Amino acid sequence: MSFTPDLVAELNTLIHFDLGSTQQGIKIHSNADPAIIAATRRLHAKGLVTLVDGGYLTSLGRDAVEHAQAALTILTSLPPPTTG
């Protein structure tokens, strides 16, 4: 299995949530990029966010964001210097 454009859009949507506060959600407006609107609807259908247009993270959504942010950090950090 590989990352499809739909999954990438979902990951990009998830990383916009602030894990520092459970009281802060996101709102995807009707004039947003259609791919992001569709991604947010899929995240809601999967039980990761509370509302079809964003809202708050569910417990499962919070876990997903933690992992997505960790993967992003790992993949965007500089590789360790090679020795030898």
C-alpha atoms as a PDB file:
ATOM      1  CA  MET A   1       0.000   0.000   0.000  1.00  0.00           C
ATOM      2  CA  SER A   2       1.263   3.489  -0.777  1.00  0.00           C
ATOM      3  CA  PHE A   3       0.145   7.022   0.044  1.00  0.00           C
ATOM      4  CA  THR A   4      -2.610   8.058  -2.345  1.00  0.00           C
ATOM      5  CA  PRO A   5      -3.373  11.722  -3.034  1.00  0.00           C
ATOM      6  CA  ASP A   6      -6.476  11.350  -0.823  1.00  0.00           C
ATOM      7  CA  LEU A   7      -4.406  10.046   2.107  1.00  0.00           C
ATOM      8  CA  VAL A   8      -1.863  12.831   1.659  1.00  0.00           C
ATOM      9  CA  ALA A   9      -4.688  15.395   1.769  1.00  0.00           C
ATOM     10  CA  GLU A  10      -5.980  13.800   4.973  1.00  0.00           C
ATOM     11  CA  LEU A  11      -2.523  13.891   6.550  1.00  0.00           C
ATOM     12  CA  ASN A  12      -2.079  17.518   5.518  1.00  0.00           C
ATOM     13  CA  THR A  13      -5.417  18.343   7.122  1.00  0.00           C
ATOM     14  CA  LEU A  14      -4.595  16.502  10.351  1.00  0.00           C
ATOM     15  CA  ILE A  15      -1.304  18.285  10.912  1.00  0.00           C
ATOM     16  CA  HIS A  16      -3.149  21.603  11.166  1.00  0.00           C
ATOM     17  CA  PHE A  17      -4.593  20.582  14.525  1.00  0.00           C
ATOM     18  CA  ASP A  18      -2.823  21.967  17.603  1.00  0.00           C
ATOM     19  CA  LEU A  19      -2.046  19.133  19.996  1.00  0.00           C
ATOM     20  CA  GLY A  20      -1.221  21.668  22.703  1.00  0.00           C
ATOM     21  CA  SER A  21      -4.896  22.332  23.365  1.00  0.00           C
ATOM     22  CA  THR A  22      -7.943  20.080  23.376  1.00  0.00           C
ATOM     23  CA  GLN A  23     -10.100  23.221  23.232  1.00  0.00           C
ATOM     24  CA  GLN A  24      -8.880  24.316  19.798  1.00  0.00           C
ATOM     25  CA  GLY A  25     -10.321  22.796  16.643  1.00  0.00           C
ATOM     26  CA  ILE A  26     -10.344  23.748  12.994  1.00  0.00           C
ATOM     27  CA  LYS A  27     -13.061  24.933  10.628  1.00  0.00           C
ATOM     28  CA  ILE A  28     -12.845  24.154   6.925  1.00  0.00           C
ATOM     29  CA  HIS A  29     -14.813  26.803   5.058  1.00  0.00           C
ATOM     30  CA  SER A  30     -16.923  26.090   1.985  1.00  0.00           C
ATOM     31  CA  ASN A  31     -14.523  28.104  -0.207  1.00  0.00           C
ATOM     32  CA  ALA A  32     -11.483  26.004   0.821  1.00  0.00           C
ATOM     33  CA  ASP A  33      -9.632  23.774  -1.616  1.00  0.00           C
ATOM     34  CA  PRO A  34     -12.072  21.009  -2.659  1.00  0.00           C
ATOM     35  CA  ALA A  35      -9.439  18.353  -1.860  1.00  0.00           C
ATOM     36  CA  ILE A  36      -9.220  19.617   1.736  1.00  0.00           C
ATOM     37  CA  ILE A  37     -13.012  19.745   2.067  1.00  0.00           C
ATOM     38  CA  ALA A  38     -13.233  16.148   0.841  1.00  0.00           C
ATOM     39  CA  ALA A  39     -10.348  15.073   3.103  1.00  0.00           C
ATOM     40  CA  THR A  40     -12.058  16.573   6.145  1.00  0.00           C
ATOM     41  CA  ARG A  41     -15.294  14.772   5.297  1.00  0.00           C
ATOM     42  CA  ARG A  42     -13.389  11.489   5.035  1.00  0.00           C
ATOM     43  CA  LEU A  43     -11.676  12.151   8.371  1.00  0.00           C
ATOM     44  CA  HIS A  44     -15.098  12.682   9.923  1.00  0.00           C
ATOM     45  CA  ALA A  45     -16.412   9.467   8.356  1.00  0.00           C
ATOM     46  CA  LYS A  46     -13.397   7.619   9.778  1.00  0.00           C
ATOM     47  CA  GLY A  47     -14.099   8.997  13.256  1.00  0.00           C
ATOM     48  CA  LEU A  48     -11.006  11.191  13.505  1.00  0.00           C
ATOM     49  CA  VAL A  49     -12.746  14.584  13.750  1.00  0.00           C
ATOM     50  CA  THR A  50     -16.043  15.532  15.359  1.00  0.00           C
ATOM     51  CA  LEU A  51     -17.633  17.506  12.525  1.00  0.00           C
ATOM     52  CA  VAL A  52     -17.855  17.098   8.774  1.00  0.00           C
ATOM     53  CA  ASP A  53     -16.178  20.518   8.387  1.00  0.00           C
ATOM     54  CA  GLY A  54     -13.487  19.933  11.013  1.00  0.00           C
ATOM     55  CA  GLY A  55     -14.381  20.532  14.608  1.00  0.00           C
ATOM     56  CA  TYR A  56     -12.240  18.840  17.219  1.00  0.00           C
ATOM     57  CA  LEU A  57     -10.097  15.743  17.201  1.00  0.00           C
ATOM     58  CA  THR A  58     -11.508  12.543  18.591  1.00  0.00           C
ATOM     59  CA  SER A  59      -9.257  10.329  20.702  1.00  0.00           C
ATOM     60  CA  LEU A  60      -8.390   8.326  17.602  1.00  0.00           C
ATOM     61  CA  GLY A  61      -7.799  11.544  15.670  1.00  0.00           C
ATOM     62  CA  ARG A  62      -5.413  12.786  18.336  1.00  0.00           C
ATOM     63  CA  ASP A  63      -3.420   9.551  18.045  1.00  0.00           C
ATOM     64  CA  ALA A  64      -3.325   9.949  14.265  1.00  0.00           C
ATOM     65  CA  VAL A  65      -2.084  13.545  14.508  1.00  0.00           C
ATOM     66  CA  GLU A  66       0.655  12.553  16.956  1.00  0.00           C
ATOM     67  CA  HIS A  67       1.890   9.887  14.553  1.00  0.00           C
ATOM     68  CA  ALA A  68       1.545  12.119  11.479  1.00  0.00           C
ATOM     69  CA  GLN A  69       3.514  14.907  13.134  1.00  0.00           C
ATOM     70  CA  ALA A  70       6.191  12.459  14.282  1.00  0.00           C
ATOM     71  CA  ALA A  71       6.539  11.054  10.769  1.00  0.00           C
ATOM     72  CA  LEU A  72       6.729  14.556   9.300  1.00  0.00           C
ATOM     73  CA  THR A  73       9.444  15.521  11.782  1.00  0.00           C
ATOM     74  CA  ILE A  74      11.472  12.412  11.003  1.00  0.00           C
ATOM     75  CA  LEU A  75      11.127  12.754   7.247  1.00  0.00           C
ATOM     76  CA  THR A  76      11.976  16.445   7.155  1.00  0.00           C
ATOM     77  CA  SER A  77      14.943  16.377   9.521  1.00  0.00           C
ATOM     78  CA  LEU A  78      18.489  16.285   8.263  1.00  0.00           C
ATOM     79  CA  PRO A  79      20.073  12.846   8.071  1.00  0.00           C
ATOM     80  CA  PRO A  80      22.796  12.096  10.607  1.00  0.00           C
ATOM     81  CA  PRO A  81      26.332  12.604   9.345  1.00  0.00           C
ATOM     82  CA  THR A  82      27.954   9.493   7.962  1.00  0.00           C
ATOM     83  CA  THR A  83      31.174   8.215   9.415  1.00  0.00           C
ATOM     84  CA  GLY A  84      33.787   6.301   7.816  1.00  0.00           C
END
